[in-house]
Amino acid sequence: MKKYKVTLTSDERLQLEPLIAAGQASALKQAHARVLLKADAAPGGLAWSDSRIAEAVEVSTVDDRAPGVRLEMTMLPWIASVVGLGAAFA
């Protein structure tokens, strides 16, 4: 079961997409943006499962921890703050 449900507004999606497309943001910030966009359960969002996101973005889930992991799916509220969003989490 997901700990957080991500619901981005269309404006928030528009803020995240250029971070990935331009390739000028840090790799970590780009990974954060990818996680939020793939987790987005709002209408028009992808609403991927945590395991599918973790595989696509090459991060781990809490159940999947390994030494050296940089990013976990339970960090979604913090991720949103790093990329400058006030994303809604339920």
C-alpha atoms as a PDB file:
ATOM      1  CA  MET A   1       0.000   0.000   0.000  1.00  0.00           C
ATOM      2  CA  LYS A   2       1.284   3.460  -0.887  1.00  0.00           C
ATOM      3  CA  LYS A   3       2.203   5.692   2.014  1.00  0.00           C
ATOM      4  CA  TYR A   4       1.553   8.848  -0.016  1.00  0.00           C
ATOM      5  CA  LYS A   5      -0.736   9.559  -2.930  1.00  0.00           C
ATOM      6  CA  VAL A   6       0.789  12.228  -5.172  1.00  0.00           C
ATOM      7  CA  THR A   7      -1.630  14.585  -6.906  1.00  0.00           C
ATOM      8  CA  LEU A   8       0.013  17.274  -8.981  1.00  0.00           C
ATOM      9  CA  THR A   9      -1.783  20.199 -10.546  1.00  0.00           C
ATOM     10  CA  SER A  10      -1.254  20.895 -14.228  1.00  0.00           C
ATOM     11  CA  ASP A  11       0.895  23.899 -13.228  1.00  0.00           C
ATOM     12  CA  GLU A  12       3.096  21.665 -11.059  1.00  0.00           C
ATOM     13  CA  ARG A  13       3.507  19.202 -13.932  1.00  0.00           C
ATOM     14  CA  LEU A  14       4.478  22.102 -16.183  1.00  0.00           C
ATOM     15  CA  GLN A  15       7.159  23.112 -13.649  1.00  0.00           C
ATOM     16  CA  LEU A  16       8.596  19.582 -13.461  1.00  0.00           C
ATOM     17  CA  GLU A  17       8.673  18.665 -17.149  1.00  0.00           C
ATOM     18  CA  PRO A  18      11.320  21.257 -18.158  1.00  0.00           C
ATOM     19  CA  LEU A  19      13.633  20.011 -15.382  1.00  0.00           C
ATOM     20  CA  ILE A  20      13.807  16.689 -17.188  1.00  0.00           C
ATOM     21  CA  ALA A  21      13.662  17.904 -20.790  1.00  0.00           C
ATOM     22  CA  ALA A  22      16.305  20.634 -20.523  1.00  0.00           C
ATOM     23  CA  GLY A  23      18.825  18.394 -18.799  1.00  0.00           C
ATOM     24  CA  GLN A  24      20.272  21.376 -16.954  1.00  0.00           C
ATOM     25  CA  ALA A  25      19.088  20.426 -13.460  1.00  0.00           C
ATOM     26  CA  SER A  26      21.243  18.160 -11.303  1.00  0.00           C
ATOM     27  CA  ALA A  27      20.816  14.416 -11.783  1.00  0.00           C
ATOM     28  CA  LEU A  28      19.252  14.153  -8.328  1.00  0.00           C
ATOM     29  CA  LYS A  29      16.736  16.916  -9.043  1.00  0.00           C
ATOM     30  CA  GLN A  30      15.868  15.260 -12.371  1.00  0.00           C
ATOM     31  CA  ALA A  31      15.313  11.925 -10.587  1.00  0.00           C
ATOM     32  CA  HIS A  32      13.060  13.660  -8.068  1.00  0.00           C
ATOM     33  CA  ALA A  33      11.034  15.251 -10.870  1.00  0.00           C
ATOM     34  CA  ARG A  34      10.694  11.883 -12.643  1.00  0.00           C
ATOM     35  CA  VAL A  35       9.478  10.207  -9.432  1.00  0.00           C
ATOM     36  CA  LEU A  36       6.815  12.868  -8.847  1.00  0.00           C
ATOM     37  CA  LEU A  37       5.593  12.813 -12.449  1.00  0.00           C
ATOM     38  CA  LYS A  38       5.345   9.028 -12.536  1.00  0.00           C
ATOM     39  CA  ALA A  39       3.632   8.859  -9.116  1.00  0.00           C
ATOM     40  CA  ASP A  40       1.084  11.548  -9.985  1.00  0.00           C
ATOM     41  CA  ALA A  41      -2.397  10.108  -9.395  1.00  0.00           C
ATOM     42  CA  ALA A  42      -4.293  13.230 -10.453  1.00  0.00           C
ATOM     43  CA  PRO A  43      -6.332  13.138 -13.681  1.00  0.00           C
ATOM     44  CA  GLY A  44      -3.826  13.142 -16.520  1.00  0.00           C
ATOM     45  CA  GLY A  45      -1.095  11.688 -14.310  1.00  0.00           C
ATOM     46  CA  LEU A  46       0.629   8.336 -14.773  1.00  0.00           C
ATOM     47  CA  ALA A  47      -0.103   6.896 -11.278  1.00  0.00           C
ATOM     48  CA  TRP A  48       2.623   4.240 -11.570  1.00  0.00           C
ATOM     49  CA  SER A  49       3.205   1.795  -8.717  1.00  0.00           C
ATOM     50  CA  ASP A  50       6.184   2.385  -6.416  1.00  0.00           C
ATOM     51  CA  SER A  51       7.981  -0.685  -7.745  1.00  0.00           C
ATOM     52  CA  ARG A  52       7.506   0.397 -11.359  1.00  0.00           C
ATOM     53  CA  ILE A  53       8.791   3.906 -10.570  1.00  0.00           C
ATOM     54  CA  ALA A  54      11.753   2.532  -8.636  1.00  0.00           C
ATOM     55  CA  GLU A  55      12.751   0.367 -11.587  1.00  0.00           C
ATOM     56  CA  ALA A  56      12.305   3.132 -14.173  1.00  0.00           C
ATOM     57  CA  VAL A  57      14.128   5.834 -12.190  1.00  0.00           C
ATOM     58  CA  GLU A  58      16.658   3.394 -10.697  1.00  0.00           C
ATOM     59  CA  VAL A  59      15.851   4.100  -7.053  1.00  0.00           C
ATOM     60  CA  SER A  60      14.664   1.749  -4.332  1.00  0.00           C
ATOM     61  CA  THR A  61      11.512   1.280  -2.335  1.00  0.00           C
ATOM     62  CA  VAL A  62      11.548   0.791   1.436  1.00  0.00           C
ATOM     63  CA  ASP A  63      11.156  -2.980   0.987  1.00  0.00           C
ATOM     64  CA  ASP A  64      14.033  -2.996  -1.440  1.00  0.00           C
ATOM     65  CA  ARG A  65      16.791  -1.166   0.467  1.00  0.00           C
ATOM     66  CA  ALA A  66      20.408  -1.697  -0.396  1.00  0.00           C
ATOM     67  CA  PRO A  67      23.631   0.002   0.720  1.00  0.00           C
ATOM     68  CA  GLY A  68      24.226   3.294  -1.057  1.00  0.00           C
ATOM     69  CA  VAL A  69      20.597   3.995  -1.946  1.00  0.00           C
ATOM     70  CA  ARG A  70      20.168   7.699  -2.715  1.00  0.00           C
ATOM     71  CA  LEU A  71      16.416   7.984  -2.897  1.00  0.00           C
ATOM     72  CA  GLU A  72      13.456   6.111  -1.441  1.00  0.00           C
ATOM     73  CA  MET A  73       9.832   6.316  -2.435  1.00  0.00           C
ATOM     74  CA  THR A  74       8.824   7.244   1.143  1.00  0.00           C
ATOM     75  CA  MET A  75      10.625  10.560   0.663  1.00  0.00           C
ATOM     76  CA  LEU A  76       7.980  12.041  -1.662  1.00  0.00           C
ATOM     77  CA  PRO A  77       7.105  15.092   0.500  1.00  0.00           C
ATOM     78  CA  TRP A  78      10.792  15.984   0.800  1.00  0.00           C
ATOM     79  CA  ILE A  79      11.319  15.394  -2.925  1.00  0.00           C
ATOM     80  CA  ALA A  80       8.512  17.834  -3.721  1.00  0.00           C
ATOM     81  CA  SER A  81      10.129  20.489  -1.545  1.00  0.00           C
ATOM     82  CA  VAL A  82      13.529  19.991  -3.222  1.00  0.00           C
ATOM     83  CA  VAL A  83      12.115  20.589  -6.698  1.00  0.00           C
ATOM     84  CA  GLY A  84      10.138  23.565  -5.405  1.00  0.00           C
ATOM     85  CA  LEU A  85       6.620  22.153  -5.409  1.00  0.00           C
ATOM     86  CA  GLY A  86       3.939  22.143  -2.774  1.00  0.00           C
ATOM     87  CA  ALA A  87       2.574  18.850  -4.146  1.00  0.00           C
ATOM     88  CA  ALA A  88      -0.517  17.454  -2.462  1.00  0.00           C
ATOM     89  CA  PHE A  89      -0.033  14.188  -0.605  1.00  0.00           C
ATOM     90  CA  ALA A  90      -2.902  12.157   0.833  1.00  0.00           C
END
